[in-house]
Amino acid sequence: MLAVLSLGIATAQDSKPMVRMAKIVVDSAQLEKYRAALKEGIETAVRVEPGVLTLYAVYEKDHPTHVTVLEVYADEQAYKTHLQTPHFKKYKNTTMGMVRSLELVEMEAIGLEAKAKVH
């Protein structure tokens, strides 16, 4: 009985949400095209992928070419699945020459159960 119980706990722990920040610097001459491609990719992923819990993109007011995307996936497998989707591949191919730098930062969630309210 204990073995089954601890196996269930391990499985629950293995499926914790995956959170990361993508810090992106975009070529200023291609900024509007980049924003359009990113917006399309995010809207599609959130709409069609159940494992994509949220994707929020923002840019710095004083440095509009500095974009940050908060990515929250149900678990690591959902993230891996996301990377194989046609819409993600389209985003990557479309924006390849637009991105000057990309830094992916693994994060740990605090209060992830709280829902954001966008007005």
C-alpha atoms as a PDB file:
ATOM      1  CA  MET A   1       0.000   0.000   0.000  1.00  0.00           C
ATOM      2  CA  LEU A   2       2.795   2.433   0.839  1.00  0.00           C
ATOM      3  CA  ALA A   3       4.553   1.761  -2.465  1.00  0.00           C
ATOM      4  CA  VAL A   4       1.427   2.640  -4.424  1.00  0.00           C
ATOM      5  CA  LEU A   5       0.885   5.754  -2.330  1.00  0.00           C
ATOM      6  CA  SER A   6       4.434   7.047  -2.838  1.00  0.00           C
ATOM      7  CA  LEU A   7       4.238   6.268  -6.563  1.00  0.00           C
ATOM      8  CA  GLY A   8       1.124   8.451  -6.795  1.00  0.00           C
ATOM      9  CA  ILE A   9       2.881  11.271  -4.976  1.00  0.00           C
ATOM     10  CA  ALA A  10       5.909  11.052  -7.249  1.00  0.00           C
ATOM     11  CA  THR A  11       3.676  11.192 -10.306  1.00  0.00           C
ATOM     12  CA  ALA A  12       1.870  14.272  -9.003  1.00  0.00           C
ATOM     13  CA  GLN A  13       5.193  15.985  -8.320  1.00  0.00           C
ATOM     14  CA  ASP A  14       6.518  15.117 -11.775  1.00  0.00           C
ATOM     15  CA  SER A  15       3.582  16.879 -13.429  1.00  0.00           C
ATOM     16  CA  LYS A  16       4.106  20.285 -11.823  1.00  0.00           C
ATOM     17  CA  PRO A  17       3.699  23.333 -14.055  1.00  0.00           C
ATOM     18  CA  MET A  18       6.680  24.474 -16.084  1.00  0.00           C
ATOM     19  CA  VAL A  19       7.330  28.210 -15.988  1.00  0.00           C
ATOM     20  CA  ARG A  20       9.920  30.160 -17.928  1.00  0.00           C
ATOM     21  CA  MET A  21      10.693  33.660 -19.093  1.00  0.00           C
ATOM     22  CA  ALA A  22      11.890  34.294 -22.621  1.00  0.00           C
ATOM     23  CA  LYS A  23      13.871  37.531 -22.788  1.00  0.00           C
ATOM     24  CA  ILE A  24      14.118  38.646 -26.394  1.00  0.00           C
ATOM     25  CA  VAL A  25      15.794  41.563 -28.143  1.00  0.00           C
ATOM     26  CA  VAL A  26      14.305  42.286 -31.552  1.00  0.00           C
ATOM     27  CA  ASP A  27      15.795  44.095 -34.556  1.00  0.00           C
ATOM     28  CA  SER A  28      14.210  47.568 -34.412  1.00  0.00           C
ATOM     29  CA  ALA A  29      13.668  47.658 -38.188  1.00  0.00           C
ATOM     30  CA  GLN A  30      11.480  44.541 -37.939  1.00  0.00           C
ATOM     31  CA  LEU A  31       9.715  45.240 -34.659  1.00  0.00           C
ATOM     32  CA  GLU A  32       6.151  45.510 -35.986  1.00  0.00           C
ATOM     33  CA  LYS A  33       6.490  42.312 -38.039  1.00  0.00           C
ATOM     34  CA  TYR A  34       7.915  40.546 -34.993  1.00  0.00           C
ATOM     35  CA  ARG A  35       5.065  41.698 -32.743  1.00  0.00           C
ATOM     36  CA  ALA A  36       2.487  40.493 -35.283  1.00  0.00           C
ATOM     37  CA  ALA A  37       4.131  37.058 -35.557  1.00  0.00           C
ATOM     38  CA  LEU A  38       4.433  36.725 -31.783  1.00  0.00           C
ATOM     39  CA  LYS A  39       0.820  37.759 -31.223  1.00  0.00           C
ATOM     40  CA  GLU A  40      -0.430  35.244 -33.793  1.00  0.00           C
ATOM     41  CA  GLY A  41       1.674  32.445 -32.283  1.00  0.00           C
ATOM     42  CA  ILE A  42       0.546  33.180 -28.727  1.00  0.00           C
ATOM     43  CA  GLU A  43      -3.134  33.451 -29.628  1.00  0.00           C
ATOM     44  CA  THR A  44      -3.020  30.148 -31.504  1.00  0.00           C
ATOM     45  CA  ALA A  45      -1.106  28.286 -28.784  1.00  0.00           C
ATOM     46  CA  VAL A  46      -3.416  29.413 -25.990  1.00  0.00           C
ATOM     47  CA  ARG A  47      -6.509  28.618 -28.068  1.00  0.00           C
ATOM     48  CA  VAL A  48      -5.579  25.138 -29.357  1.00  0.00           C
ATOM     49  CA  GLU A  49      -3.112  23.656 -26.841  1.00  0.00           C
ATOM     50  CA  PRO A  50      -4.631  22.483 -23.561  1.00  0.00           C
ATOM     51  CA  GLY A  51      -1.141  22.211 -22.014  1.00  0.00           C
ATOM     52  CA  VAL A  52      -0.384  25.891 -22.610  1.00  0.00           C
ATOM     53  CA  LEU A  53      -1.791  27.532 -19.496  1.00  0.00           C
ATOM     54  CA  THR A  54      -0.738  31.033 -20.467  1.00  0.00           C
ATOM     55  CA  LEU A  55       1.654  33.050 -22.574  1.00  0.00           C
ATOM     56  CA  TYR A  56       1.988  36.741 -21.752  1.00  0.00           C
ATOM     57  CA  ALA A  57       4.169  39.021 -23.863  1.00  0.00           C
ATOM     58  CA  VAL A  58       5.243  42.514 -22.790  1.00  0.00           C
ATOM     59  CA  TYR A  59       7.863  45.006 -23.910  1.00  0.00           C
ATOM     60  CA  GLU A  60       9.780  47.678 -22.038  1.00  0.00           C
ATOM     61  CA  LYS A  61       8.358  51.182 -22.497  1.00  0.00           C
ATOM     62  CA  ASP A  62      11.820  52.756 -22.757  1.00  0.00           C
ATOM     63  CA  HIS A  63      13.217  49.903 -24.881  1.00  0.00           C
ATOM     64  CA  PRO A  64      10.409  48.602 -27.116  1.00  0.00           C
ATOM     65  CA  THR A  65      12.738  46.101 -28.784  1.00  0.00           C
ATOM     66  CA  HIS A  66      13.147  44.296 -25.431  1.00  0.00           C
ATOM     67  CA  VAL A  67      10.329  41.753 -25.233  1.00  0.00           C
ATOM     68  CA  THR A  68       9.646  39.371 -22.362  1.00  0.00           C
ATOM     69  CA  VAL A  69       7.308  36.399 -22.619  1.00  0.00           C
ATOM     70  CA  LEU A  70       6.028  34.643 -19.501  1.00  0.00           C
ATOM     71  CA  GLU A  71       5.319  31.048 -20.440  1.00  0.00           C
ATOM     72  CA  VAL A  72       3.326  28.678 -18.218  1.00  0.00           C
ATOM     73  CA  TYR A  73       2.763  25.085 -19.295  1.00  0.00           C
ATOM     74  CA  ALA A  74       0.864  22.322 -17.492  1.00  0.00           C
ATOM     75  CA  ASP A  75       4.118  20.352 -17.257  1.00  0.00           C
ATOM     76  CA  GLU A  76       7.356  19.710 -19.109  1.00  0.00           C
ATOM     77  CA  GLN A  77       5.653  17.375 -21.597  1.00  0.00           C
ATOM     78  CA  ALA A  78       3.195  20.136 -22.548  1.00  0.00           C
ATOM     79  CA  TYR A  79       6.176  22.391 -23.278  1.00  0.00           C
ATOM     80  CA  LYS A  80       7.844  19.726 -25.416  1.00  0.00           C
ATOM     81  CA  THR A  81       4.581  19.214 -27.294  1.00  0.00           C
ATOM     82  CA  HIS A  82       4.294  22.988 -27.844  1.00  0.00           C
ATOM     83  CA  LEU A  83       7.720  23.059 -29.506  1.00  0.00           C
ATOM     84  CA  GLN A  84       6.525  20.549 -32.118  1.00  0.00           C
ATOM     85  CA  THR A  85       3.330  22.351 -33.146  1.00  0.00           C
ATOM     86  CA  PRO A  86       2.975  23.888 -36.611  1.00  0.00           C
ATOM     87  CA  HIS A  87       2.181  27.340 -35.161  1.00  0.00           C
ATOM     88  CA  PHE A  88       5.321  27.383 -32.977  1.00  0.00           C
ATOM     89  CA  LYS A  89       7.476  26.259 -35.895  1.00  0.00           C
ATOM     90  CA  LYS A  90       5.898  28.979 -38.052  1.00  0.00           C
ATOM     91  CA  TYR A  91       6.694  31.592 -35.377  1.00  0.00           C
ATOM     92  CA  LYS A  92      10.323  30.412 -35.115  1.00  0.00           C
ATOM     93  CA  ASN A  93      10.834  30.353 -38.894  1.00  0.00           C
ATOM     94  CA  THR A  94       9.148  33.722 -39.416  1.00  0.00           C
ATOM     95  CA  THR A  95      11.079  35.500 -36.657  1.00  0.00           C
ATOM     96  CA  MET A  96      14.478  33.836 -37.063  1.00  0.00           C
ATOM     97  CA  GLY A  97      16.113  36.869 -38.700  1.00  0.00           C
ATOM     98  CA  MET A  98      14.296  39.338 -36.458  1.00  0.00           C
ATOM     99  CA  VAL A  99      15.624  38.191 -33.087  1.00  0.00           C
ATOM    100  CA  ARG A 100      18.959  39.694 -32.021  1.00  0.00           C
ATOM    101  CA  SER A 101      19.162  37.733 -28.777  1.00  0.00           C
ATOM    102  CA  LEU A 102      17.157  35.196 -26.796  1.00  0.00           C
ATOM    103  CA  GLU A 103      17.613  34.191 -23.171  1.00  0.00           C
ATOM    104  CA  LEU A 104      15.430  31.457 -21.659  1.00  0.00           C
ATOM    105  CA  VAL A 105      15.195  31.571 -17.861  1.00  0.00           C
ATOM    106  CA  GLU A 106      13.675  28.687 -15.904  1.00  0.00           C
ATOM    107  CA  MET A 107      11.377  29.950 -13.150  1.00  0.00           C
ATOM    108  CA  GLU A 108       9.559  28.555 -10.116  1.00  0.00           C
ATOM    109  CA  ALA A 109       5.960  29.615  -9.561  1.00  0.00           C
ATOM    110  CA  ILE A 110       4.602  31.383  -6.486  1.00  0.00           C
ATOM    111  CA  GLY A 111       0.831  31.565  -6.254  1.00  0.00           C
ATOM    112  CA  LEU A 112       0.299  30.179  -9.750  1.00  0.00           C
ATOM    113  CA  GLU A 113      -3.316  29.369  -8.947  1.00  0.00           C
ATOM    114  CA  ALA A 114      -4.221  33.066  -8.923  1.00  0.00           C
ATOM    115  CA  LYS A 115      -5.906  34.145 -12.163  1.00  0.00           C
ATOM    116  CA  ALA A 116      -4.801  37.296 -13.911  1.00  0.00           C
ATOM    117  CA  LYS A 117      -7.523  39.785 -14.758  1.00  0.00           C
ATOM    118  CA  VAL A 118      -6.940  41.794 -17.898  1.00  0.00           C
ATOM    119  CA  HIS A 119      -9.130  44.885 -18.330  1.00  0.00           C
END
